[in-house]
Amino acid sequence: MNKWQPIDTAPKDGNEVLIYYRNEWDEFRITVASYQPYNDAGYPYLWVNSHGDSIYRPWKLDMNKEERKKYGPLYWQPLPEPPTP
């Protein structure tokens, strides 16, 4: 069984992982996402879910460091193995 790990330890190779995050409405969510080091918005990095939506909200960069820790990806874990028929 995998355990949640701090987001700073997540792989940054573009492979999908489970991400636990807080959105801008203060709701906690889990989604499948991958790390994207380059993006069209010009921000240094972005977590993107399988629908192409940003998980890490770049506009949160305007907040101070403590506020930024509150939003976006907090933890990750590898995807589980698919079931076998």
C-alpha atoms as a PDB file:
ATOM      1  CA  MET A   1       0.000   0.000   0.000  1.00  0.00           C
ATOM      2  CA  ASN A   2       1.318   3.430  -0.934  1.00  0.00           C
ATOM      3  CA  LYS A   3       1.391   6.301   1.523  1.00  0.00           C
ATOM      4  CA  TRP A   4       0.935   9.990   0.831  1.00  0.00           C
ATOM      5  CA  GLN A   5       4.241  11.823   0.504  1.00  0.00           C
ATOM      6  CA  PRO A   6       5.065  15.564   0.484  1.00  0.00           C
ATOM      7  CA  ILE A   7       4.584  17.092  -2.962  1.00  0.00           C
ATOM      8  CA  ASP A   8       8.243  18.218  -3.040  1.00  0.00           C
ATOM      9  CA  THR A   9       9.239  14.551  -3.368  1.00  0.00           C
ATOM     10  CA  ALA A  10       6.950  13.836  -6.351  1.00  0.00           C
ATOM     11  CA  PRO A  11       8.511  12.681  -9.629  1.00  0.00           C
ATOM     12  CA  LYS A  12       8.965  15.441 -12.154  1.00  0.00           C
ATOM     13  CA  ASP A  13       9.316  13.258 -15.236  1.00  0.00           C
ATOM     14  CA  GLY A  14       5.823  13.832 -16.685  1.00  0.00           C
ATOM     15  CA  ASN A  15       4.382  10.511 -15.461  1.00  0.00           C
ATOM     16  CA  GLU A  16       0.956  10.644 -13.854  1.00  0.00           C
ATOM     17  CA  VAL A  17       0.551  10.257 -10.077  1.00  0.00           C
ATOM     18  CA  LEU A  18      -2.260  10.791  -7.570  1.00  0.00           C
ATOM     19  CA  ILE A  19      -2.281  14.352  -6.222  1.00  0.00           C
ATOM     20  CA  TYR A  20      -4.017  15.548  -3.056  1.00  0.00           C
ATOM     21  CA  TYR A  21      -4.642  19.289  -3.271  1.00  0.00           C
ATOM     22  CA  ARG A  22      -6.693  22.218  -1.994  1.00  0.00           C
ATOM     23  CA  ASN A  23      -8.484  24.276  -4.612  1.00  0.00           C
ATOM     24  CA  GLU A  24      -9.327  27.990  -4.548  1.00  0.00           C
ATOM     25  CA  TRP A  25     -12.661  27.242  -2.831  1.00  0.00           C
ATOM     26  CA  ASP A  26     -10.806  25.597   0.094  1.00  0.00           C
ATOM     27  CA  GLU A  27     -11.981  22.124  -0.973  1.00  0.00           C
ATOM     28  CA  PHE A  28      -9.623  19.173  -0.701  1.00  0.00           C
ATOM     29  CA  ARG A  29      -9.503  16.981  -3.808  1.00  0.00           C
ATOM     30  CA  ILE A  30      -7.670  13.962  -5.211  1.00  0.00           C
ATOM     31  CA  THR A  31      -6.898  13.702  -8.914  1.00  0.00           C
ATOM     32  CA  VAL A  32      -4.495  12.131 -11.370  1.00  0.00           C
ATOM     33  CA  ALA A  33      -1.935  14.700 -12.532  1.00  0.00           C
ATOM     34  CA  SER A  34       1.529  15.083 -14.018  1.00  0.00           C
ATOM     35  CA  TYR A  35       4.258  17.661 -13.525  1.00  0.00           C
ATOM     36  CA  GLN A  36       4.837  19.980 -16.468  1.00  0.00           C
ATOM     37  CA  PRO A  37       8.021  22.073 -16.214  1.00  0.00           C
ATOM     38  CA  TYR A  38       7.040  24.416 -19.048  1.00  0.00           C
ATOM     39  CA  ASN A  39       3.709  26.030 -19.772  1.00  0.00           C
ATOM     40  CA  ASP A  40       2.155  28.688 -21.970  1.00  0.00           C
ATOM     41  CA  ALA A  41       1.487  31.032 -19.053  1.00  0.00           C
ATOM     42  CA  GLY A  42       5.208  31.545 -18.506  1.00  0.00           C
ATOM     43  CA  TYR A  43       5.235  30.151 -14.976  1.00  0.00           C
ATOM     44  CA  PRO A  44       8.131  27.936 -13.885  1.00  0.00           C
ATOM     45  CA  TYR A  45       6.068  24.773 -13.434  1.00  0.00           C
ATOM     46  CA  LEU A  46       2.552  23.470 -13.337  1.00  0.00           C
ATOM     47  CA  TRP A  47       0.711  20.336 -12.185  1.00  0.00           C
ATOM     48  CA  VAL A  48      -1.836  19.356 -14.829  1.00  0.00           C
ATOM     49  CA  ASN A  49      -4.606  16.778 -14.481  1.00  0.00           C
ATOM     50  CA  SER A  50      -5.588  14.291 -17.170  1.00  0.00           C
ATOM     51  CA  HIS A  51      -8.136  16.800 -18.553  1.00  0.00           C
ATOM     52  CA  GLY A  52      -5.414  19.407 -19.097  1.00  0.00           C
ATOM     53  CA  ASP A  53      -6.585  21.588 -16.201  1.00  0.00           C
ATOM     54  CA  SER A  54      -4.069  23.295 -13.945  1.00  0.00           C
ATOM     55  CA  ILE A  55      -3.935  21.950 -10.385  1.00  0.00           C
ATOM     56  CA  TYR A  56      -1.354  24.433  -9.186  1.00  0.00           C
ATOM     57  CA  ARG A  57      -2.954  27.814  -9.678  1.00  0.00           C
ATOM     58  CA  PRO A  58      -0.263  30.185 -10.978  1.00  0.00           C
ATOM     59  CA  TRP A  59      -2.188  33.249  -9.804  1.00  0.00           C
ATOM     60  CA  LYS A  60      -1.575  32.054  -6.249  1.00  0.00           C
ATOM     61  CA  LEU A  61       2.057  33.113  -6.771  1.00  0.00           C
ATOM     62  CA  ASP A  62       0.934  36.635  -5.840  1.00  0.00           C
ATOM     63  CA  MET A  63       0.330  35.413  -2.281  1.00  0.00           C
ATOM     64  CA  ASN A  64       2.964  35.296   0.411  1.00  0.00           C
ATOM     65  CA  LYS A  65       4.861  32.052   1.055  1.00  0.00           C
ATOM     66  CA  GLU A  66       2.575  30.863   3.866  1.00  0.00           C
ATOM     67  CA  GLU A  67      -0.570  31.480   1.818  1.00  0.00           C
ATOM     68  CA  ARG A  68       0.907  29.624  -1.176  1.00  0.00           C
ATOM     69  CA  LYS A  69       1.465  26.525   0.962  1.00  0.00           C
ATOM     70  CA  LYS A  70      -2.285  26.429   1.599  1.00  0.00           C
ATOM     71  CA  TYR A  71      -3.315  25.920  -2.047  1.00  0.00           C
ATOM     72  CA  GLY A  72      -2.360  23.588  -4.863  1.00  0.00           C
ATOM     73  CA  PRO A  73      -0.800  20.133  -4.544  1.00  0.00           C
ATOM     74  CA  LEU A  74       0.092  19.122  -1.005  1.00  0.00           C
ATOM     75  CA  TYR A  75       0.784  15.372  -1.264  1.00  0.00           C
ATOM     76  CA  TRP A  76       1.219  12.687  -3.897  1.00  0.00           C
ATOM     77  CA  GLN A  77       1.453   8.929  -4.268  1.00  0.00           C
ATOM     78  CA  PRO A  78       2.013   6.545  -7.172  1.00  0.00           C
ATOM     79  CA  LEU A  79      -0.980   5.307  -9.106  1.00  0.00           C
ATOM     80  CA  PRO A  80      -2.222   1.919  -7.901  1.00  0.00           C
ATOM     81  CA  GLU A  81      -1.763  -1.136 -10.055  1.00  0.00           C
ATOM     82  CA  PRO A  82      -4.776  -1.771 -12.303  1.00  0.00           C
ATOM     83  CA  PRO A  83      -6.994  -4.723 -11.397  1.00  0.00           C
ATOM     84  CA  THR A  84      -6.310  -8.029 -13.083  1.00  0.00           C
ATOM     85  CA  PRO A  85      -9.209  -9.775 -14.810  1.00  0.00           C
END
